[in-house]
Protein backbone atom coordinates (compact mmCIF):
# COMPACT_ATOMS: atom_id res chain seq x y z
CA MET A 1 -127.54 -228.99 -31.26
CA ALA A 2 -124.17 -227.76 -32.53
CA GLN A 3 -120.98 -229.33 -31.18
CA PRO A 4 -118.64 -227.08 -29.20
CA LEU A 5 -115.69 -225.88 -31.25
CA ALA A 6 -113.18 -227.66 -29.00
CA ILE A 7 -114.81 -231.00 -29.76
CA GLU A 8 -115.00 -230.18 -33.48
CA GLY A 9 -111.30 -229.31 -33.49
CA TYR A 10 -110.48 -232.51 -31.62
CA LYS A 11 -112.43 -234.62 -34.11
CA LYS A 12 -110.57 -232.99 -37.01
CA LEU A 13 -107.24 -233.66 -35.32
CA GLU A 14 -108.21 -237.25 -34.52
CA ALA A 15 -109.24 -237.88 -38.15
CA ALA A 16 -106.03 -236.23 -39.41
CA GLN A 17 -103.95 -238.40 -37.06
CA GLN A 18 -105.61 -241.55 -38.42
CA GLU A 19 -104.97 -240.46 -42.01
CA LEU A 20 -101.37 -239.62 -41.12
CA PHE A 21 -100.92 -243.03 -39.49
CA ASP A 22 -102.30 -244.77 -42.58
CA ALA A 23 -100.05 -242.81 -44.96
CA PHE A 24 -97.01 -243.14 -42.71
CA SER A 25 -97.37 -246.89 -42.23
CA ALA A 26 -97.80 -247.31 -45.99
CA CYS A 27 -94.43 -245.58 -46.55
CA PHE A 28 -92.31 -246.79 -43.63
CA LYS A 29 -91.91 -249.96 -41.60
CA LYS A 30 -89.55 -248.70 -38.87
CA VAL A 31 -88.67 -245.42 -37.18
CA ASN A 32 -85.49 -245.41 -35.10
CA ASN A 33 -85.55 -249.23 -35.18
CA ARG A 34 -89.11 -249.37 -33.79
CA SER A 35 -91.78 -251.03 -35.92
CA VAL A 36 -94.44 -248.59 -37.10
CA GLU A 37 -97.00 -251.35 -36.54
CA THR A 38 -96.53 -250.89 -32.78
CA TYR A 39 -97.47 -247.19 -32.98
CA GLN A 40 -100.79 -246.08 -31.62
CA THR A 41 -102.67 -243.61 -33.81
CA HIS A 42 -102.28 -240.87 -31.22
CA GLU A 43 -98.50 -241.33 -31.30
CA MET A 44 -98.49 -239.77 -34.75
CA ILE A 45 -98.78 -236.42 -33.00
CA MET A 46 -95.24 -237.04 -31.71
CA LEU A 47 -94.02 -236.69 -35.28
CA CYS A 48 -95.42 -233.15 -35.28
CA ASN A 49 -93.39 -231.99 -32.25
CA ASP A 50 -90.53 -229.55 -32.68
CA CYS A 51 -88.12 -232.31 -31.66
CA CYS A 52 -88.49 -234.13 -34.99
CA PHE A 53 -91.00 -232.44 -37.35
CA PHE A 54 -88.52 -230.56 -39.54
CA ASP A 55 -86.05 -233.47 -39.52
CA LEU A 56 -88.86 -235.79 -40.66
CA VAL A 57 -90.01 -233.46 -43.43
CA GLU A 58 -86.39 -233.06 -44.54
CA LYS A 59 -85.95 -236.86 -44.76
CA LEU A 60 -89.14 -237.08 -46.82
CA ARG A 61 -87.92 -234.22 -49.04
CA GLN A 62 -84.61 -235.99 -49.63
CA GLU A 63 -86.33 -239.14 -50.87
CA ILE A 64 -88.75 -237.14 -53.03
CA VAL A 65 -85.84 -235.26 -54.60
CA SER A 66 -83.89 -238.46 -55.25
CA LEU A 67 -86.92 -240.12 -56.88
CA SER A 68 -88.21 -237.14 -58.86
CA ALA A 69 -84.85 -235.54 -59.74
CA GLU A 70 -86.46 -232.16 -59.04
CA PRO A 71 -84.09 -230.11 -56.87
CA SER A 72 -85.28 -228.23 -53.81
CA GLU A 73 -83.78 -226.40 -50.87
CA PRO A 74 -83.21 -228.28 -47.59
CA ILE A 75 -85.89 -227.95 -44.92
CA SER A 76 -84.97 -226.49 -41.57
CA ASP A 77 -87.93 -224.36 -40.48
CA GLY A 78 -91.51 -223.34 -41.24
CA ASP A 79 -90.64 -221.08 -44.16
CA SER A 80 -88.59 -223.72 -45.95
CA THR A 81 -91.32 -226.32 -45.29
CA LEU A 82 -93.97 -224.08 -46.82
CA ALA A 83 -91.71 -223.23 -49.77
CA PHE A 84 -91.20 -226.94 -50.43
CA CYS A 85 -94.95 -227.64 -50.21
CA GLN A 86 -95.69 -224.81 -52.64
CA ALA A 87 -92.95 -225.90 -55.06
CA ARG A 88 -94.38 -229.44 -55.06
CA GLY A 89 -97.92 -228.13 -55.56
CA LEU A 90 -99.23 -229.79 -52.42
CA CYS A 91 -102.81 -229.12 -51.38
CA LEU A 92 -102.66 -226.94 -48.27
CA ASN A 93 -105.23 -224.57 -46.85
CA ASP A 94 -104.83 -220.99 -48.03
CA ASP A 95 -104.41 -219.78 -44.46
CA VAL A 96 -101.32 -221.92 -43.75
CA ARG A 97 -98.49 -219.57 -42.84
CA GLU A 98 -95.32 -220.02 -40.82
CA GLU A 99 -97.17 -218.77 -37.70
CA SER A 100 -99.77 -221.53 -38.06
CA MET A 101 -97.05 -224.18 -38.43
CA LYS A 102 -96.97 -224.54 -34.64
CA GLU A 103 -100.48 -226.03 -34.65
CA PRO A 104 -100.57 -229.86 -34.51
CA LEU A 105 -103.44 -230.01 -37.01
CA VAL A 106 -101.51 -227.95 -39.59
CA ARG A 107 -98.36 -230.03 -39.15
CA THR A 108 -100.41 -233.23 -39.37
CA GLN A 109 -101.95 -232.06 -42.63
CA ILE A 110 -98.55 -231.08 -44.04
CA LEU A 111 -97.06 -234.47 -43.17
CA GLY A 112 -100.04 -236.20 -44.74
CA GLU A 113 -99.60 -234.24 -47.97
CA VAL A 114 -95.82 -234.80 -48.11
CA LEU A 115 -96.27 -238.54 -47.45
CA THR A 116 -98.84 -238.73 -50.24
CA ASP A 117 -96.40 -236.95 -52.55
CA LEU A 118 -93.71 -239.44 -51.54
CA GLN A 119 -96.01 -242.36 -52.35
CA CYS A 120 -96.71 -240.86 -55.79
CA CYS A 121 -92.99 -240.37 -56.45
CA ARG A 122 -92.32 -243.99 -55.47
CA LEU A 123 -95.03 -245.21 -57.81
CA MET A 124 -93.79 -243.08 -60.70
CA ALA A 125 -90.17 -244.13 -60.17
CA LYS A 126 -91.14 -247.75 -59.42
CA LYS A 127 -88.60 -247.57 -56.63
CA VAL A 128 -88.42 -247.20 -52.84
CA VAL A 129 -85.32 -245.60 -51.37
CA THR A 130 -85.95 -246.66 -47.76
CA THR A 131 -88.63 -248.08 -45.50
CA GLU A 132 -86.71 -247.24 -42.31
CA LEU A 133 -86.35 -243.77 -40.90
CA HIS A 134 -83.79 -242.54 -38.43
CA LEU A 135 -84.91 -239.29 -36.86
CA GLU A 136 -82.87 -236.96 -34.73
CA LEU A 137 -85.04 -236.28 -31.70
CA SER A 138 -83.80 -232.84 -30.72
CA ASP A 139 -85.24 -229.38 -30.79
CA LYS A 140 -82.71 -227.70 -33.09
CA ALA A 141 -84.69 -224.47 -33.41
CA ASN A 142 -84.76 -223.84 -29.66
CA GLN A 143 -81.13 -224.86 -29.24
CA GLU A 144 -80.00 -222.47 -31.99
CA SER A 145 -81.98 -219.57 -30.52
CA LYS A 146 -80.20 -219.89 -27.12
């Protein structure tokens, strides 16, 4: 008997969250002075919320740029995030567009790909810029639109 789509989607999101947690904890030890080891897997979805998603991807971009010496434009929204992913040659589904960037599964996949790229850059450079992140937890996009 086939599984209902809602359950299938949940299982994909749950698996993506676990992969994101593994990649994230391999790259960083603390976020806003809180140990990543204390995070629950489901808390990874918090990183995909509007309050910190673009700030997080921008911090990852900054370290990638400093390690690879390949310039890129700052990230502030869905378009700039997708442009960065395409410029880096990251493996995203063909149907990922700015409209789909609101979906937690899409954001989870993007973060997983960017974190993997960061790990590769660190290995190639034989250097780690930081293992602690400081994220601004605010919804800049909604504040700017008001």
